[in-house]
Amino acid sequence: AFAQLELSIFGPEMPAKFDAAVKAAGHSERNILVS
């Protein structure tokens, strides 16, 4: 499925944690839109 995920809070570790969470859930960057 496709998911649009909105960033409301942003910190220096967030991009790496975000990517790790996406991968751990078995998702791909192809079906994620960050807004």
PDB file of all heavy atoms in Angstrom:
ATOM      1  N   ALA A   1       0.842  -1.203   0.000  1.00  0.00           N
ATOM      2  CA  ALA A   1       0.000   0.000   0.000  1.00  0.00           C
ATOM      3  C   ALA A   1       0.876   1.251   0.000  1.00  0.00           C
ATOM      4  O   ALA A   1       2.066   1.201   0.296  1.00  0.00           O
ATOM      5  CB  ALA A   1      -0.907   0.008   1.223  1.00  0.00           C
ATOM      6  N   PHE A   2       0.261   2.359  -0.306  1.00  0.00           N
ATOM      7  CA  PHE A   2       0.922   3.652  -0.294  1.00  0.00           C
ATOM      8  C   PHE A   2       0.585   4.365   1.002  1.00  0.00           C
ATOM      9  O   PHE A   2      -0.555   4.323   1.455  1.00  0.00           O
ATOM     10  CB  PHE A   2       0.441   4.483  -1.489  1.00  0.00           C
ATOM     11  CG  PHE A   2       0.889   5.908  -1.454  1.00  0.00           C
ATOM     12  CD1 PHE A   2       2.194   6.238  -1.713  1.00  0.00           C
ATOM     13  CD2 PHE A   2       0.001   6.922  -1.141  1.00  0.00           C
ATOM     14  CE1 PHE A   2       2.617   7.560  -1.668  1.00  0.00           C
ATOM     15  CE2 PHE A   2       0.404   8.240  -1.096  1.00  0.00           C
ATOM     16  CZ  PHE A   2       1.723   8.555  -1.361  1.00  0.00           C
ATOM     17  N   ALA A   3       1.577   5.029   1.588  1.00  0.00           N
ATOM     18  CA  ALA A   3       1.338   5.787   2.818  1.00  0.00           C
ATOM     19  C   ALA A   3       1.964   7.171   2.705  1.00  0.00           C
ATOM     20  O   ALA A   3       3.120   7.304   2.282  1.00  0.00           O
ATOM     21  CB  ALA A   3       1.918   5.056   4.022  1.00  0.00           C
ATOM     22  N   GLN A   4       1.197   8.182   3.036  1.00  0.00           N
ATOM     23  CA  GLN A   4       1.722   9.539   3.150  1.00  0.00           C
ATOM     24  C   GLN A   4       1.886   9.822   4.638  1.00  0.00           C
ATOM     25  O   GLN A   4       0.925   9.761   5.403  1.00  0.00           O
ATOM     26  CB  GLN A   4       0.786  10.574   2.532  1.00  0.00           C
ATOM     27  CG  GLN A   4       1.321  11.994   2.678  1.00  0.00           C
ATOM     28  CD  GLN A   4       0.437  13.033   2.008  1.00  0.00           C
ATOM     29  OE1 GLN A   4      -0.295  12.725   1.070  1.00  0.00           O
ATOM     30  NE2 GLN A   4       0.522  14.256   2.484  1.00  0.00           N
ATOM     31  N   LEU A   5       3.098  10.097   5.048  1.00  0.00           N
ATOM     32  CA  LEU A   5       3.416  10.309   6.452  1.00  0.00           C
ATOM     33  C   LEU A   5       3.887  11.742   6.642  1.00  0.00           C
ATOM     34  O   LEU A   5       4.810  12.186   5.981  1.00  0.00           O
ATOM     35  CB  LEU A   5       4.490   9.321   6.909  1.00  0.00           C
ATOM     36  CG  LEU A   5       4.122   7.851   6.687  1.00  0.00           C
ATOM     37  CD1 LEU A   5       5.321   6.952   6.914  1.00  0.00           C
ATOM     38  CD2 LEU A   5       2.971   7.449   7.590  1.00  0.00           C
ATOM     39  N   GLU A   6       3.214  12.451   7.540  1.00  0.00           N
ATOM     40  CA  GLU A   6       3.521  13.863   7.759  1.00  0.00           C
ATOM     41  C   GLU A   6       4.482  14.032   8.931  1.00  0.00           C
ATOM     42  O   GLU A   6       4.256  13.507  10.012  1.00  0.00           O
ATOM     43  CB  GLU A   6       2.243  14.652   8.036  1.00  0.00           C
ATOM     44  CG  GLU A   6       2.487  16.132   8.191  1.00  0.00           C
ATOM     45  CD  GLU A   6       1.218  16.931   8.386  1.00  0.00           C
ATOM     46  OE1 GLU A   6       0.125  16.409   8.101  1.00  0.00           O
ATOM     47  OE2 GLU A   6       1.328  18.082   8.826  1.00  0.00           O
ATOM     48  N   LEU A   7       5.552  14.791   8.680  1.00  0.00           N
ATOM     49  CA  LEU A   7       6.514  15.129   9.733  1.00  0.00           C
ATOM     50  C   LEU A   7       5.991  16.339  10.487  1.00  0.00           C
ATOM     51  O   LEU A   7       5.781  17.387   9.907  1.00  0.00           O
ATOM     52  CB  LEU A   7       7.872  15.512   9.131  1.00  0.00           C
ATOM     53  CG  LEU A   7       8.622  14.494   8.312  1.00  0.00           C
ATOM     54  CD1 LEU A   7       9.892  15.118   7.754  1.00  0.00           C
ATOM     55  CD2 LEU A   7       8.946  13.281   9.137  1.00  0.00           C
ATOM     56  N   SER A   8       5.787  16.181  11.770  1.00  0.00           N
ATOM     57  CA  SER A   8       5.378  17.313  12.599  1.00  0.00           C
ATOM     58  C   SER A   8       6.512  17.757  13.504  1.00  0.00           C
ATOM     59  O   SER A   8       6.655  18.925  13.803  1.00  0.00           O
ATOM     60  CB  SER A   8       4.157  16.951  13.451  1.00  0.00           C
ATOM     61  OG  SER A   8       3.055  16.722  12.623  1.00  0.00           O
ATOM     62  N   ILE A   9       7.304  16.795  13.946  1.00  0.00           N
ATOM     63  CA  ILE A   9       8.444  17.082  14.812  1.00  0.00           C
ATOM     64  C   ILE A   9       9.673  16.525  14.126  1.00  0.00           C
ATOM     65  O   ILE A   9       9.652  15.413  13.604  1.00  0.00           O
ATOM     66  CB  ILE A   9       8.254  16.427  16.196  1.00  0.00           C
ATOM     67  CG1 ILE A   9       7.010  16.985  16.863  1.00  0.00           C
ATOM     68  CG2 ILE A   9       9.489  16.631  17.064  1.00  0.00           C
ATOM     69  CD1 ILE A   9       6.640  16.306  18.155  1.00  0.00           C
ATOM     70  N   PHE A  10      10.729  17.307  14.130  1.00  0.00           N
ATOM     71  CA  PHE A  10      11.929  16.900  13.424  1.00  0.00           C
ATOM     72  C   PHE A  10      13.139  17.122  14.311  1.00  0.00           C
ATOM     73  O   PHE A  10      13.325  18.188  14.875  1.00  0.00           O
ATOM     74  CB  PHE A  10      12.075  17.734  12.136  1.00  0.00           C
ATOM     75  CG  PHE A  10      13.164  17.250  11.241  1.00  0.00           C
ATOM     76  CD1 PHE A  10      12.911  16.247  10.326  1.00  0.00           C
ATOM     77  CD2 PHE A  10      14.436  17.776  11.322  1.00  0.00           C
ATOM     78  CE1 PHE A  10      13.913  15.789   9.491  1.00  0.00           C
ATOM     79  CE2 PHE A  10      15.443  17.321  10.486  1.00  0.00           C
ATOM     80  CZ  PHE A  10      15.177  16.328   9.569  1.00  0.00           C
ATOM     81  N   GLY A  11      13.947  16.082  14.454  1.00  0.00           N
ATOM     82  CA  GLY A  11      15.192  16.180  15.204  1.00  0.00           C
ATOM     83  C   GLY A  11      16.306  15.557  14.399  1.00  0.00           C
ATOM     84  O   GLY A  11      16.070  14.904  13.382  1.00  0.00           O
ATOM     85  N   PRO A  12      17.544  15.710  14.833  1.00  0.00           N
ATOM     86  CA  PRO A  12      18.677  15.232  14.037  1.00  0.00           C
ATOM     87  C   PRO A  12      18.699  13.723  13.798  1.00  0.00           C
ATOM     88  O   PRO A  12      19.191  13.263  12.777  1.00  0.00           O
ATOM     89  CB  PRO A  12      19.904  15.680  14.826  1.00  0.00           C
ATOM     90  CG  PRO A  12      19.424  16.221  16.116  1.00  0.00           C
ATOM     91  CD  PRO A  12      17.945  16.400  16.040  1.00  0.00           C
ATOM     92  N   GLU A  13      18.168  12.942  14.733  1.00  0.00           N
ATOM     93  CA  GLU A  13      18.182  11.479  14.562  1.00  0.00           C
ATOM     94  C   GLU A  13      16.977  10.973  13.772  1.00  0.00           C
ATOM     95  O   GLU A  13      16.918   9.811  13.397  1.00  0.00           O
ATOM     96  CB  GLU A  13      18.205  10.763  15.926  1.00  0.00           C
ATOM     97  CG  GLU A  13      19.399  11.084  16.789  1.00  0.00           C
ATOM     98  CD  GLU A  13      19.121  12.266  17.713  1.00  0.00           C
ATOM     99  OE1 GLU A  13      17.947  12.509  18.043  1.00  0.00           O
ATOM    100  OE2 GLU A  13      20.088  12.949  18.076  1.00  0.00           O
ATOM    101  N   MET A  14      15.993  11.824  13.544  1.00  0.00           N
ATOM    102  CA  MET A  14      14.731  11.379  12.957  1.00  0.00           C
ATOM    103  C   MET A  14      14.881  10.733  11.581  1.00  0.00           C
ATOM    104  O   MET A  14      14.298   9.671  11.348  1.00  0.00           O
ATOM    105  CB  MET A  14      13.733  12.539  12.915  1.00  0.00           C
ATOM    106  CG  MET A  14      12.296  12.099  12.684  1.00  0.00           C
ATOM    107  SD  MET A  14      11.880  11.694  10.999  1.00  0.00           S
ATOM    108  CE  MET A  14      12.033  13.247  10.205  1.00  0.00           C
ATOM    109  N   PRO A  15      15.643  11.294  10.631  1.00  0.00           N
ATOM    110  CA  PRO A  15      15.694  10.646   9.308  1.00  0.00           C
ATOM    111  C   PRO A  15      16.201   9.200   9.361  1.00  0.00           C
ATOM    112  O   PRO A  15      15.643   8.317   8.711  1.00  0.00           O
ATOM    113  CB  PRO A  15      16.632  11.541   8.501  1.00  0.00           C
ATOM    114  CG  PRO A  15      16.521  12.875   9.157  1.00  0.00           C
ATOM    115  CD  PRO A  15      16.343  12.575  10.621  1.00  0.00           C
ATOM    116  N   ALA A  16      17.231   8.935  10.145  1.00  0.00           N
ATOM    117  CA  ALA A  16      17.760   7.571  10.240  1.00  0.00           C
ATOM    118  C   ALA A  16      16.755   6.655  10.942  1.00  0.00           C
ATOM    119  O   ALA A  16      16.550   5.509  10.522  1.00  0.00           O
ATOM    120  CB  ALA A  16      19.093   7.577  10.976  1.00  0.00           C
ATOM    121  N   LYS A  17      16.108   7.144  11.991  1.00  0.00           N
ATOM    122  CA  LYS A  17      15.108   6.337  12.700  1.00  0.00           C
ATOM    123  C   LYS A  17      13.910   6.061  11.794  1.00  0.00           C
ATOM    124  O   LYS A  17      13.337   4.975  11.815  1.00  0.00           O
ATOM    125  CB  LYS A  17      14.662   7.037  13.979  1.00  0.00           C
ATOM    126  CG  LYS A  17      15.714   7.001  15.075  1.00  0.00           C
ATOM    127  CD  LYS A  17      15.200   7.681  16.331  1.00  0.00           C
ATOM    128  CE  LYS A  17      16.226   7.600  17.446  1.00  0.00           C
ATOM    129  NZ  LYS A  17      15.745   8.210  18.688  1.00  0.00           N
ATOM    130  N   PHE A  18      13.520   7.051  11.009  1.00  0.00           N
ATOM    131  CA  PHE A  18      12.409   6.895  10.070  1.00  0.00           C
ATOM    132  C   PHE A  18      12.726   5.783   9.084  1.00  0.00           C
ATOM    133  O   PHE A  18      11.929   4.868   8.871  1.00  0.00           O
ATOM    134  CB  PHE A  18      12.174   8.225   9.338  1.00  0.00           C
ATOM    135  CG  PHE A  18      11.018   8.200   8.383  1.00  0.00           C
ATOM    136  CD1 PHE A  18       9.769   8.628   8.790  1.00  0.00           C
ATOM    137  CD2 PHE A  18      11.175   7.764   7.081  1.00  0.00           C
ATOM    138  CE1 PHE A  18       8.690   8.615   7.921  1.00  0.00           C
ATOM    139  CE2 PHE A  18      10.107   7.745   6.204  1.00  0.00           C
ATOM    140  CZ  PHE A  18       8.863   8.170   6.619  1.00  0.00           C
ATOM    141  N   ASP A  19      13.892   5.849   8.480  1.00  0.00           N
ATOM    142  CA  ASP A  19      14.297   4.859   7.489  1.00  0.00           C
ATOM    143  C   ASP A  19      14.353   3.465   8.113  1.00  0.00           C
ATOM    144  O   ASP A  19      13.883   2.491   7.513  1.00  0.00           O
ATOM    145  CB  ASP A  19      15.650   5.242   6.887  1.00  0.00           C
ATOM    146  CG  ASP A  19      15.964   4.450   5.637  1.00  0.00           C
ATOM    147  OD1 ASP A  19      15.084   4.302   4.768  1.00  0.00           O
ATOM    148  OD2 ASP A  19      17.118   3.977   5.532  1.00  0.00           O
ATOM    149  N   ALA A  20      14.886   3.364   9.309  1.00  0.00           N
ATOM    150  CA  ALA A  20      14.959   2.070   9.998  1.00  0.00           C
ATOM    151  C   ALA A  20      13.565   1.517  10.268  1.00  0.00           C
ATOM    152  O   ALA A  20      13.328   0.310  10.098  1.00  0.00           O
ATOM    153  CB  ALA A  20      15.747   2.210  11.302  1.00  0.00           C
ATOM    154  N   ALA A  21      12.635   2.362  10.670  1.00  0.00           N
ATOM    155  CA  ALA A  21      11.261   1.915  10.943  1.00  0.00           C
ATOM    156  C   ALA A  21      10.581   1.431   9.667  1.00  0.00           C
ATOM    157  O   ALA A  21       9.873   0.416   9.685  1.00  0.00           O
ATOM    158  CB  ALA A  21      10.453   3.043  11.586  1.00  0.00           C
ATOM    159  N   VAL A  22      10.794   2.135   8.563  1.00  0.00           N
ATOM    160  CA  VAL A  22      10.215   1.728   7.279  1.00  0.00           C
ATOM    161  C   VAL A  22      10.743   0.352   6.880  1.00  0.00           C
ATOM    162  O   VAL A  22       9.985  -0.549   6.520  1.00  0.00           O
ATOM    163  CB  VAL A  22      10.504   2.783   6.183  1.00  0.00           C
ATOM    164  CG1 VAL A  22      10.172   2.252   4.802  1.00  0.00           C
ATOM    165  CG2 VAL A  22       9.729   4.068   6.470  1.00  0.00           C
ATOM    166  N   LYS A  23      12.050   0.183   6.982  1.00  0.00           N
ATOM    167  CA  LYS A  23      12.656  -1.099   6.601  1.00  0.00           C
ATOM    168  C   LYS A  23      12.216  -2.223   7.532  1.00  0.00           C
ATOM    169  O   LYS A  23      11.920  -3.330   7.081  1.00  0.00           O
ATOM    170  CB  LYS A  23      14.171  -0.965   6.586  1.00  0.00           C
ATOM    171  CG  LYS A  23      14.674  -0.139   5.428  1.00  0.00           C
ATOM    172  CD  LYS A  23      16.165   0.028   5.451  1.00  0.00           C
ATOM    173  CE  LYS A  23      16.597   0.892   4.277  1.00  0.00           C
ATOM    174  NZ  LYS A  23      17.987   1.291   4.374  1.00  0.00           N
ATOM    175  N   ALA A  24      12.171  -1.948   8.836  1.00  0.00           N
ATOM    176  CA  ALA A  24      11.770  -2.978   9.811  1.00  0.00           C
ATOM    177  C   ALA A  24      10.344  -3.459   9.570  1.00  0.00           C
ATOM    178  O   ALA A  24      10.026  -4.625   9.821  1.00  0.00           O
ATOM    179  CB  ALA A  24      11.922  -2.437  11.235  1.00  0.00           C
ATOM    180  N   ALA A  25       9.490  -2.578   9.067  1.00  0.00           N
ATOM    181  CA  ALA A  25       8.096  -2.948   8.793  1.00  0.00           C
ATOM    182  C   ALA A  25       7.935  -3.629   7.436  1.00  0.00           C
ATOM    183  O   ALA A  25       6.828  -4.022   7.067  1.00  0.00           O
ATOM    184  CB  ALA A  25       7.202  -1.709   8.867  1.00  0.00           C
ATOM    185  N   GLY A  26       9.031  -3.764   6.698  1.00  0.00           N
ATOM    186  CA  GLY A  26       8.969  -4.427   5.398  1.00  0.00           C
ATOM    187  C   GLY A  26       8.508  -3.537   4.267  1.00  0.00           C
ATOM    188  O   GLY A  26       8.153  -4.016   3.197  1.00  0.00           O
ATOM    189  N   HIS A  27       8.508  -2.236   4.499  1.00  0.00           N
ATOM    190  CA  HIS A  27       8.097  -1.284   3.466  1.00  0.00           C
ATOM    191  C   HIS A  27       9.297  -0.841   2.639  1.00  0.00           C
ATOM    192  O   HIS A  27      10.443  -1.084   2.990  1.00  0.00           O
ATOM    193  CB  HIS A  27       7.424  -0.056   4.095  1.00  0.00           C
ATOM    194  CG  HIS A  27       6.076  -0.343   4.651  1.00  0.00           C
ATOM    195  ND1 HIS A  27       4.937  -0.351   3.888  1.00  0.00           N
ATOM    196  CD2 HIS A  27       5.675  -0.665   5.909  1.00  0.00           C
ATOM    197  CE1 HIS A  27       3.902  -0.660   4.647  1.00  0.00           C
ATOM    198  NE2 HIS A  27       4.326  -0.855   5.878  1.00  0.00           N
ATOM    199  N   SER A  28       8.999  -0.160   1.572  1.00  0.00           N
ATOM    200  CA  SER A  28      10.016   0.386   0.680  1.00  0.00           C
ATOM    201  C   SER A  28       9.780   1.877   0.535  1.00  0.00           C
ATOM    202  O   SER A  28       8.643   2.348   0.663  1.00  0.00           O
ATOM    203  CB  SER A  28       9.894  -0.293  -0.691  1.00  0.00           C
ATOM    204  OG  SER A  28      10.578   0.435  -1.676  1.00  0.00           O
ATOM    205  N   GLU A  29      10.826   2.597   0.223  1.00  0.00           N
ATOM    206  CA  GLU A  29      10.670   4.039  -0.016  1.00  0.00           C
ATOM    207  C   GLU A  29       9.747   4.310  -1.199  1.00  0.00           C
ATOM    208  O   GLU A  29       9.202   5.399  -1.322  1.00  0.00           O
ATOM    209  CB  GLU A  29      12.032   4.714  -0.217  1.00  0.00           C
ATOM    210  CG  GLU A  29      12.760   4.310  -1.470  1.00  0.00           C
ATOM    211  CD  GLU A  29      13.611   3.049  -1.342  1.00  0.00           C
ATOM    212  OE1 GLU A  29      13.656   2.439  -0.247  1.00  0.00           O
ATOM    213  OE2 GLU A  29      14.223   2.656  -2.349  1.00  0.00           O
ATOM    214  N   ARG A  30       9.525   3.344  -2.058  1.00  0.00           N
ATOM    215  CA  ARG A  30       8.663   3.541  -3.225  1.00  0.00           C
ATOM    216  C   ARG A  30       7.206   3.751  -2.841  1.00  0.00           C
ATOM    217  O   ARG A  30       6.444   4.325  -3.602  1.00  0.00           O
ATOM    218  CB  ARG A  30       8.787   2.366  -4.188  1.00  0.00           C
ATOM    219  CG  ARG A  30      10.127   2.309  -4.903  1.00  0.00           C
ATOM    220  CD  ARG A  30      10.184   1.179  -5.916  1.00  0.00           C
ATOM    221  NE  ARG A  30       9.823  -0.127  -5.385  1.00  0.00           N
ATOM    222  CZ  ARG A  30      10.652  -0.933  -4.712  1.00  0.00           C
ATOM    223  NH1 ARG A  30      11.887  -0.556  -4.484  1.00  0.00           N
ATOM    224  NH2 ARG A  30      10.249  -2.106  -4.283  1.00  0.00           N
ATOM    225  N   ASN A  31       6.796   3.244  -1.677  1.00  0.00           N
ATOM    226  CA  ASN A  31       5.390   3.395  -1.305  1.00  0.00           C
ATOM    227  C   ASN A  31       5.201   4.324  -0.110  1.00  0.00           C
ATOM    228  O   ASN A  31       4.180   4.282   0.558  1.00  0.00           O
ATOM    229  CB  ASN A  31       4.721   2.035  -1.078  1.00  0.00           C
ATOM    230  CG  ASN A  31       5.315   1.256   0.082  1.00  0.00           C
ATOM    231  OD1 ASN A  31       6.493   1.384   0.381  1.00  0.00           O
ATOM    232  ND2 ASN A  31       4.512   0.435   0.726  1.00  0.00           N
ATOM    233  N   ILE A  32       6.174   5.199   0.113  1.00  0.00           N
ATOM    234  CA  ILE A  32       6.092   6.170   1.204  1.00  0.00           C
ATOM    235  C   ILE A  32       6.275   7.571   0.629  1.00  0.00           C
ATOM    236  O   ILE A  32       7.187   7.815  -0.162  1.00  0.00           O
ATOM    237  CB  ILE A  32       7.196   5.921   2.266  1.00  0.00           C
ATOM    238  CG1 ILE A  32       7.133   4.499   2.828  1.00  0.00           C
ATOM    239  CG2 ILE A  32       7.150   6.972   3.363  1.00  0.00           C
ATOM    240  CD1 ILE A  32       5.951   4.202   3.723  1.00  0.00           C
ATOM    241  N   LEU A  33       5.410   8.484   1.027  1.00  0.00           N
ATOM    242  CA  LEU A  33       5.553   9.904   0.699  1.00  0.00           C
ATOM    243  C   LEU A  33       5.647  10.646   2.025  1.00  0.00           C
ATOM    244  O   LEU A  33       4.792  10.480   2.899  1.00  0.00           O
ATOM    245  CB  LEU A  33       4.344  10.402  -0.097  1.00  0.00           C
ATOM    246  CG  LEU A  33       4.303  11.899  -0.408  1.00  0.00           C
ATOM    247  CD1 LEU A  33       5.427  12.287  -1.369  1.00  0.00           C
ATOM    248  CD2 LEU A  33       2.964  12.287  -0.998  1.00  0.00           C
ATOM    249  N   VAL A  34       6.697  11.440   2.179  1.00  0.00           N
ATOM    250  CA  VAL A  34       6.923  12.195   3.411  1.00  0.00           C
ATOM    251  C   VAL A  34       6.482  13.631   3.163  1.00  0.00           C
ATOM    252  O   VAL A  34       6.945  14.270   2.215  1.00  0.00           O
ATOM    253  CB  VAL A  34       8.401  12.142   3.829  1.00  0.00           C
ATOM    254  CG1 VAL A  34       8.639  12.955   5.085  1.00  0.00           C
ATOM    255  CG2 VAL A  34       8.836  10.695   4.034  1.00  0.00           C
ATOM    256  N   SER A  35       5.584  14.129   4.001  1.00  0.00           N
ATOM    257  CA  SER A  35       5.089  15.495   3.831  1.00  0.00           C
ATOM    258  C   SER A  35       5.289  16.289   5.105  1.00  0.00           C
ATOM    259  O   SER A  35       5.387  15.730   6.195  1.00  0.00           O
ATOM    260  CB  SER A  35       3.611  15.481   3.434  1.00  0.00           C
ATOM    261  OG  SER A  35       2.823  14.888   4.444  1.00  0.00           O
TER     262      SER A  35
END
